[in-house]
Amino acid sequence: MLQPNGSSAIRAHPSATFMVIAPSSAPRIHARTCTLRIAICISGKPKVLVQPRMREHLRAVLRPLIDSGSTVCTDTYLHLQGWLRCRSSSDPCERVLRSAAEELQARSLVIYRGRSRLHIGTHSLATPQICLTMCLGGKRFGSNRQPCTSAGYETAVKLRGCLRQIEEAEAAAGVAYQFVLRLRPDIEHLRSLPAAAEWRCLRPDTAYVMIVLPPPHKTKCYPGHARLGKRQALTVETPNLFVDDNLALLPRHAAQTYFSIADGFEQCVRTTRVNELCQKRWEWPECRVTQALASAGGLRVAELPSTVDGFAIIDCMWRQRPNQTNKTCKWQRRANANRHISERRLLHKQPFLSTRLNVSSFAPDNLASCR
């Protein structure tokens, strides 16, 4: 059953068309036995998620939470970019994504069709205007510099849609989630998430992301040797701190600002720096995450335990059929680019997209005393 476009559950820009697969059951947040409530938002391009092996790996990553019994309640929301031909419930791509949602025990699936155009005044930024100093020898790219940046807006729209569904579930239940976990559908984790018992002891002032680069460091893409790793968490306001935007585990109040980044884009994120956070990375999409977490107030940031020792972004080997614009993912591989692979030695000892993962742990410094 499809809800009509413009559903109150999703408030994306009208140019971002989507369809919502109606949930078959109420959120688990309603359960009276819950002592820990966690919302899981999986957002991004589905690509490798259409393959069973990737879905089984994600289930293994989440297993300590979803198999922990009735006291830990998780609700999974999928917000995915659709293919060009994903236009109705009869199309194969929609059926594949529906099957993926069922395997991941998601209570809803939102498929976004087309691109989210950012409109500011009379200007329409259809593609990200990225004018950055990045990893390419200080070269700048993006010839038409705009007063407002749109890099990362499409991702932010999906996160905001997920937040709206989280808020509606909380309003219906009269109780809030304690944590929100944001995952991408194409990242391989070296280990599973920590056991549910540790989550009950988490400090409410700490956010977790996949990569933290503490200063001083060079302006490079993901230099593994400079990562924070298992060292003590740093305050988000640390000048020139790099916080990536791939994964996040957030206390509920921090999720409110993190998942509302799209609002800032629509009010105009200036291409000129307005504070000392991010430094040369001001126009990077990751800087929007840093700014959002800093606005939450008093947050520390650490690296997510399941990826701190190793991760990889999974790419598709595409199979293009003649006279068709739609692609199918024939098989997957770990991305070869150095910036997409962390700790190659550890990760490559593990079977590809393994479902037998060792359980990770939060650092003792990030746990409060449990009562």
Protein backbone atom coordinates (compact mmCIF):
# COMPACT_ATOMS: atom_id res chain seq x y z
CA MET A 1 0.00 0.00 0.00
CA LEU A 2 1.41 3.39 -1.01
CA GLN A 3 0.64 6.59 0.75
CA PRO A 4 0.16 9.56 -1.60
CA ASN A 5 2.97 12.00 -2.19
CA GLY A 6 2.94 14.76 0.40
CA SER A 7 2.31 12.40 3.33
CA SER A 8 2.57 14.16 6.66
CA ALA A 9 5.26 11.64 7.62
CA ILE A 10 7.70 13.19 5.15
CA ARG A 11 8.28 16.89 4.67
CA ALA A 12 10.93 16.95 1.99
CA HIS A 13 10.99 19.68 -0.62
CA PRO A 14 8.19 19.19 -3.19
CA SER A 15 10.75 18.61 -5.95
CA ALA A 16 11.93 15.46 -4.13
CA THR A 17 9.17 12.99 -5.01
CA PHE A 18 8.91 9.85 -2.95
CA MET A 19 6.65 7.00 -2.00
CA VAL A 20 6.10 5.55 1.43
CA ILE A 21 5.55 1.87 2.01
CA ALA A 22 3.05 1.81 4.85
CA PRO A 23 4.23 0.00 8.00
CA SER A 24 2.54 -3.25 8.89
CA SER A 25 2.85 -2.87 12.66
CA ALA A 26 3.18 -0.22 15.33
CA PRO A 27 6.66 0.94 16.40
CA ARG A 28 8.21 -1.06 19.21
CA ILE A 29 8.67 2.19 21.12
CA HIS A 30 5.08 1.60 22.29
CA ALA A 31 6.05 -1.55 24.24
CA ARG A 32 5.73 -1.08 27.99
CA THR A 33 8.58 -3.51 28.68
CA CYS A 34 11.15 -1.23 27.01
CA THR A 35 13.94 0.09 29.22
CA LEU A 36 16.05 1.18 26.23
CA ARG A 37 14.55 2.67 23.06
CA ILE A 38 16.69 3.12 19.94
CA ALA A 39 15.66 4.44 16.54
CA ILE A 40 17.74 3.17 13.59
CA CYS A 41 17.77 5.21 10.39
CA ILE A 42 19.35 3.60 7.32
CA SER A 43 19.66 6.21 4.59
CA GLY A 44 21.48 6.60 1.30
CA LYS A 45 21.71 4.97 -2.10
CA PRO A 46 20.53 1.36 -2.00
CA LYS A 47 23.02 -0.03 -4.57
CA VAL A 48 24.58 -2.97 -2.67
CA LEU A 49 21.62 -3.26 -0.28
CA VAL A 50 19.73 -5.06 -3.04
CA GLN A 51 22.06 -8.03 -2.58
CA PRO A 52 21.19 -10.51 0.22
CA ARG A 53 24.81 -10.71 1.37
CA MET A 54 24.88 -7.02 2.31
CA ARG A 55 21.57 -7.26 4.14
CA GLU A 56 22.78 -10.29 6.11
CA HIS A 57 25.92 -8.37 7.09
CA LEU A 58 23.89 -5.41 8.35
CA ARG A 59 21.71 -7.76 10.38
CA ALA A 60 24.87 -9.20 11.94
CA VAL A 61 26.06 -5.67 12.81
CA LEU A 62 22.73 -4.95 14.53
CA ARG A 63 22.27 -8.38 16.12
CA PRO A 64 23.32 -7.39 19.69
CA LEU A 65 20.40 -4.95 19.69
CA ILE A 66 17.67 -6.68 17.71
CA ASP A 67 18.20 -10.04 19.45
CA SER A 68 18.57 -8.67 22.98
CA GLY A 69 15.07 -9.39 24.25
CA SER A 70 11.97 -7.39 25.03
CA THR A 71 13.64 -4.74 27.19
CA VAL A 72 15.59 -3.23 24.27
CA CYS A 73 13.23 -1.83 21.65
CA THR A 74 14.54 -0.84 18.22
CA ASP A 75 12.61 0.64 15.31
CA THR A 76 14.28 0.74 11.89
CA TYR A 77 13.39 3.35 9.27
CA LEU A 78 14.70 3.08 5.70
CA HIS A 79 15.06 6.25 3.61
CA LEU A 80 16.62 5.32 0.30
CA GLN A 81 17.31 6.93 -3.05
CA GLY A 82 15.27 5.21 -5.78
CA TRP A 83 16.40 4.29 -9.26
CA LEU A 84 15.08 6.20 -12.26
CA ARG A 85 12.65 3.39 -13.10
CA CYS A 86 11.39 2.98 -9.55
CA ARG A 87 8.03 4.63 -10.17
CA SER A 88 5.32 2.31 -8.86
CA SER A 89 4.67 -0.70 -6.68
CA SER A 90 4.82 -2.95 -9.77
CA ASP A 91 8.41 -2.06 -10.69
CA PRO A 92 11.11 -4.66 -9.84
CA CYS A 93 13.28 -2.15 -7.98
CA GLU A 94 10.48 -1.33 -5.54
CA ARG A 95 9.88 -5.02 -4.85
CA VAL A 96 13.58 -5.55 -4.16
CA LEU A 97 13.73 -2.66 -1.71
CA ARG A 98 10.54 -3.84 -0.02
CA SER A 99 12.14 -7.25 0.45
CA ALA A 100 15.25 -5.60 1.91
CA ALA A 101 13.08 -3.66 4.37
CA GLU A 102 11.37 -6.84 5.50
CA GLU A 103 14.68 -8.65 6.05
CA LEU A 104 16.00 -5.74 8.11
CA GLN A 105 12.74 -5.70 10.11
CA ALA A 106 12.13 -2.09 9.12
CA ARG A 107 8.77 -0.68 10.09
CA SER A 108 8.73 1.72 7.12
CA LEU A 109 10.44 2.29 3.81
CA VAL A 110 10.63 5.64 2.01
CA ILE A 111 11.96 5.69 -1.56
CA TYR A 112 13.02 9.08 -2.94
CA ARG A 113 12.69 9.50 -6.70
CA GLY A 114 14.68 12.10 -8.56
CA ARG A 115 17.01 14.68 -7.04
CA SER A 116 16.27 17.12 -4.24
CA ARG A 117 16.72 20.60 -5.69
CA LEU A 118 17.74 23.24 -3.19
CA HIS A 119 15.78 26.47 -3.70
CA ILE A 120 16.98 29.65 -1.99
CA GLY A 121 15.15 32.76 -3.09
CA THR A 122 15.24 32.83 -6.89
CA HIS A 123 18.23 30.48 -7.07
CA SER A 124 17.96 26.74 -7.69
CA LEU A 125 21.00 24.63 -6.90
CA ALA A 126 20.29 21.30 -8.57
CA THR A 127 23.77 19.88 -8.03
CA PRO A 128 26.17 20.51 -5.15
CA GLN A 129 28.33 23.57 -5.75
CA ILE A 130 31.49 22.21 -4.14
CA CYS A 131 34.25 24.82 -4.02
CA LEU A 132 36.72 23.25 -1.67
CA THR A 133 40.39 22.78 -1.02
CA MET A 134 40.50 19.01 -0.83
CA CYS A 135 43.02 16.24 -1.36
CA LEU A 136 44.06 17.20 -4.87
CA GLY A 137 47.15 19.28 -4.32
CA GLY A 138 45.22 22.34 -3.15
CA LYS A 139 43.30 22.65 -6.44
CA ARG A 140 39.86 24.18 -6.29
CA PHE A 141 37.01 22.78 -8.32
CA GLY A 142 33.45 23.87 -8.96
CA SER A 143 33.58 26.70 -11.46
CA ASN A 144 30.33 28.50 -10.60
CA ARG A 145 30.85 29.61 -7.05
CA GLN A 146 27.56 30.39 -5.31
CA PRO A 147 26.87 32.43 -2.15
CA CYS A 148 25.23 29.32 -0.61
CA THR A 149 26.53 25.78 -0.64
CA SER A 150 24.35 22.75 -1.35
CA ALA A 151 26.91 19.97 -0.88
CA GLY A 152 25.23 17.29 1.21
CA TYR A 153 21.66 18.57 0.81
CA GLU A 154 20.26 15.40 -0.77
CA THR A 155 21.51 13.31 2.14
CA ALA A 156 20.15 15.84 4.61
CA VAL A 157 16.66 15.65 3.07
CA LYS A 158 16.50 11.91 3.72
CA LEU A 159 17.70 12.36 7.30
CA ARG A 160 15.05 14.97 7.92
CA GLY A 161 12.40 12.64 6.54
CA CYS A 162 13.59 9.96 8.96
CA LEU A 163 13.44 12.44 11.85
CA ARG A 164 9.81 13.25 11.03
CA GLN A 165 8.87 9.59 11.31
CA ILE A 166 10.77 9.30 14.58
CA GLU A 167 8.94 12.31 15.97
CA GLU A 168 5.55 10.93 14.93
CA ALA A 169 6.30 7.57 16.61
CA GLU A 170 7.36 9.37 19.79
CA ALA A 171 4.26 11.57 19.80
CA ALA A 172 1.98 8.55 19.36
CA ALA A 173 3.73 6.62 22.15
CA GLY A 174 4.13 9.54 24.55
CA VAL A 175 7.75 8.56 25.12
CA ALA A 176 11.02 9.38 23.35
CA TYR A 177 13.84 7.25 21.98
CA GLN A 178 17.02 7.53 24.05
CA PHE A 179 19.37 7.12 21.08
CA VAL A 180 19.26 7.41 17.30
CA LEU A 181 21.62 5.32 15.16
CA ARG A 182 22.28 6.50 11.61
CA LEU A 183 23.71 3.89 9.21
CA ARG A 184 24.56 3.82 5.53
CA PRO A 185 23.47 0.77 3.52
CA ASP A 186 26.89 0.26 1.88
CA ILE A 187 29.44 0.16 4.73
CA GLU A 188 31.12 -3.02 5.94
CA HIS A 189 31.83 -3.13 9.69
CA LEU A 190 34.72 -5.06 11.16
CA ARG A 191 32.70 -5.88 14.28
CA SER A 192 29.11 -5.82 15.42
CA LEU A 193 27.67 -3.12 17.65
CA PRO A 194 28.27 -3.44 21.41
CA ALA A 195 26.06 -5.59 23.62
CA ALA A 196 22.77 -4.07 24.74
CA ALA A 197 23.89 -4.04 28.39
CA GLU A 198 26.54 -1.42 27.56
CA TRP A 199 24.03 0.85 25.83
CA ARG A 200 22.14 1.28 29.09
CA CYS A 201 25.30 2.82 30.57
CA LEU A 202 26.16 5.22 27.75
CA ARG A 203 26.97 8.78 28.69
CA PRO A 204 24.33 11.18 27.30
CA ASP A 205 26.96 13.76 26.33
CA THR A 206 28.85 11.66 23.76
CA ALA A 207 28.17 11.28 20.03
CA TYR A 208 29.84 8.60 17.90
CA VAL A 209 30.82 8.83 14.24
CA MET A 210 32.91 6.66 11.93
CA ILE A 211 35.96 8.94 11.64
CA VAL A 212 37.33 11.63 13.93
CA LEU A 213 40.55 13.39 12.96
CA PRO A 214 41.97 15.38 15.89
CA PRO A 215 44.14 18.44 15.23
CA PRO A 216 46.82 18.95 14.23
CA HIS A 217 46.49 17.00 11.00
CA LYS A 218 46.97 17.53 7.31
CA THR A 219 44.05 18.35 5.02
CA LYS A 220 43.68 14.91 3.49
CA CYS A 221 40.80 12.54 2.94
CA TYR A 222 40.58 10.07 5.79
CA PRO A 223 44.29 9.63 6.69
CA GLY A 224 44.00 6.49 8.81
CA HIS A 225 47.12 7.16 10.87
CA ALA A 226 45.61 10.41 12.21
CA ARG A 227 42.28 8.98 13.42
CA LEU A 228 41.16 9.36 17.00
CA GLY A 229 40.63 5.62 17.23
CA LYS A 230 40.14 4.36 20.78
CA ARG A 231 41.59 7.43 22.43
CA GLN A 232 39.58 9.60 24.77
CA ALA A 233 36.64 11.50 23.27
CA LEU A 234 37.14 15.14 22.29
CA THR A 235 34.75 18.07 22.57
CA VAL A 236 33.00 18.88 19.30
CA GLU A 237 34.02 22.54 19.61
CA THR A 238 37.72 21.63 19.27
CA PRO A 239 39.03 23.95 16.49
CA ASN A 240 39.84 22.23 13.19
CA LEU A 241 38.37 18.90 14.35
CA PHE A 242 37.20 16.69 11.47
CA VAL A 243 33.99 14.70 12.05
CA ASP A 244 32.74 12.57 9.17
CA ASP A 245 29.14 12.19 8.02
CA ASN A 246 28.86 8.48 7.18
CA LEU A 247 27.61 6.94 10.43
CA ALA A 248 26.42 8.33 13.73
CA LEU A 249 25.18 7.15 17.11
CA LEU A 250 23.56 10.08 18.85
CA PRO A 251 21.81 10.85 22.12
CA ARG A 252 18.28 11.94 21.27
CA HIS A 253 18.82 15.69 21.79
CA ALA A 254 21.86 15.66 19.47
CA ALA A 255 19.91 13.75 16.81
CA GLN A 256 17.44 16.63 16.65
CA THR A 257 20.10 19.00 15.30
CA TYR A 258 22.01 16.38 13.25
CA PHE A 259 18.87 15.23 11.41
CA SER A 260 17.69 18.81 10.81
CA ILE A 261 20.66 19.93 8.72
CA ALA A 262 18.40 20.30 5.65
CA ASP A 263 16.68 23.23 7.36
CA GLY A 264 19.96 25.13 7.46
CA PHE A 265 20.60 24.47 3.77
CA GLU A 266 17.21 25.92 2.89
CA GLN A 267 18.01 29.08 4.86
CA CYS A 268 21.40 29.31 3.04
CA VAL A 269 24.71 27.94 4.32
CA ARG A 270 27.17 30.64 3.31
CA THR A 271 30.30 29.64 1.43
CA THR A 272 32.28 32.07 3.58
CA ARG A 273 33.31 30.76 6.99
CA VAL A 274 31.46 32.24 9.97
CA ASN A 275 33.33 30.50 12.80
CA GLU A 276 36.56 28.62 13.49
CA LEU A 277 35.09 25.13 13.25
CA CYS A 278 36.12 23.10 10.18
CA GLN A 279 38.73 25.66 9.04
CA LYS A 280 39.61 24.81 5.39
CA ARG A 281 36.82 22.24 5.25
CA TRP A 282 34.03 24.81 5.71
CA GLU A 283 32.18 23.85 2.51
CA TRP A 284 32.53 20.10 2.99
CA PRO A 285 29.29 18.24 3.80
CA GLU A 286 31.03 16.93 6.92
CA CYS A 287 31.26 20.46 8.27
CA ARG A 288 27.48 20.63 8.45
CA VAL A 289 27.64 17.67 10.84
CA THR A 290 30.27 19.37 12.98
CA GLN A 291 28.20 22.55 13.14
CA ALA A 292 25.03 20.63 14.02
CA LEU A 293 26.69 18.68 16.82
CA ALA A 294 28.31 21.83 18.19
CA SER A 295 24.91 23.54 18.31
CA ALA A 296 23.60 20.71 20.51
CA GLY A 297 25.85 22.03 23.29
CA GLY A 298 28.38 20.27 25.51
CA LEU A 299 28.91 17.22 23.30
CA ARG A 300 31.99 15.06 23.10
CA VAL A 301 32.70 12.99 19.99
CA ALA A 302 34.26 9.53 19.70
CA GLU A 303 34.55 6.82 17.02
CA LEU A 304 31.86 4.16 16.64
CA PRO A 305 33.11 0.86 18.14
CA SER A 306 31.93 -1.35 15.23
CA THR A 307 34.13 0.50 12.71
CA VAL A 308 36.93 1.91 14.86
CA ASP A 309 39.29 -0.96 13.96
CA GLY A 310 38.22 -1.36 10.36
CA PHE A 311 35.58 -0.54 7.79
CA ALA A 312 35.11 -0.44 4.03
CA ILE A 313 32.67 1.22 1.68
CA ILE A 314 31.24 -1.41 -0.63
CA ASP A 315 30.97 -0.71 -4.34
CA CYS A 316 28.87 -2.40 -6.99
CA MET A 317 30.17 -3.99 -10.17
CA TRP A 318 27.36 -2.82 -12.43
CA ARG A 319 25.70 -4.85 -15.16
CA GLN A 320 24.22 -2.57 -17.83
CA ARG A 321 21.68 -4.16 -20.13
CA PRO A 322 21.35 -2.82 -23.69
CA ASN A 323 18.82 -0.02 -24.21
CA GLN A 324 18.08 0.29 -20.49
CA THR A 325 18.77 3.17 -18.14
CA ASN A 326 18.38 1.06 -15.02
CA LYS A 327 21.39 -0.74 -13.62
CA THR A 328 21.57 -3.89 -11.55
CA CYS A 329 24.28 -4.67 -9.02
CA LYS A 330 25.94 -7.85 -10.28
CA TRP A 331 28.41 -8.30 -7.43
CA GLN A 332 30.12 -6.27 -4.71
CA ARG A 333 33.66 -5.42 -3.74
CA ARG A 334 35.51 -3.34 -1.18
CA ALA A 335 36.35 0.02 -2.69
CA ASN A 336 39.98 0.17 -3.77
CA ALA A 337 40.53 3.84 -3.03
CA ASN A 338 42.72 4.28 0.05
CA ARG A 339 40.36 6.83 1.54
CA HIS A 340 37.54 4.26 1.59
CA ILE A 341 39.40 1.51 3.42
CA SER A 342 40.57 1.72 7.01
CA GLU A 343 43.05 -0.67 8.58
CA ARG A 344 43.34 -2.90 5.50
CA ARG A 345 45.38 -5.52 7.33
CA LEU A 346 42.69 -6.22 9.93
CA LEU A 347 39.74 -6.03 7.57
CA HIS A 348 41.22 -8.26 4.89
CA LYS A 349 41.73 -11.07 7.40
CA GLN A 350 37.96 -11.22 7.75
CA PRO A 351 35.67 -12.83 5.15
CA PHE A 352 33.97 -10.36 2.85
CA LEU A 353 30.72 -9.06 4.40
CA SER A 354 30.98 -11.59 7.19
CA THR A 355 27.96 -12.50 9.29
CA ARG A 356 30.10 -13.90 12.11
CA LEU A 357 31.30 -10.72 13.76
CA ASN A 358 32.98 -10.28 17.10
CA VAL A 359 31.08 -7.95 19.41
CA SER A 360 32.66 -4.53 19.91
CA SER A 361 32.68 -2.51 23.14
CA PHE A 362 32.38 1.12 24.15
CA ALA A 363 35.44 2.63 25.77
CA PRO A 364 35.15 2.71 29.60
CA ASP A 365 35.49 6.51 29.50
CA ASN A 366 32.25 6.69 27.50
CA LEU A 367 30.20 4.67 30.00
CA ALA A 368 28.51 6.11 33.04
CA SER A 369 27.73 4.13 36.19
CA CYS A 370 24.59 2.02 35.72
CA ARG A 371 21.94 1.81 38.38
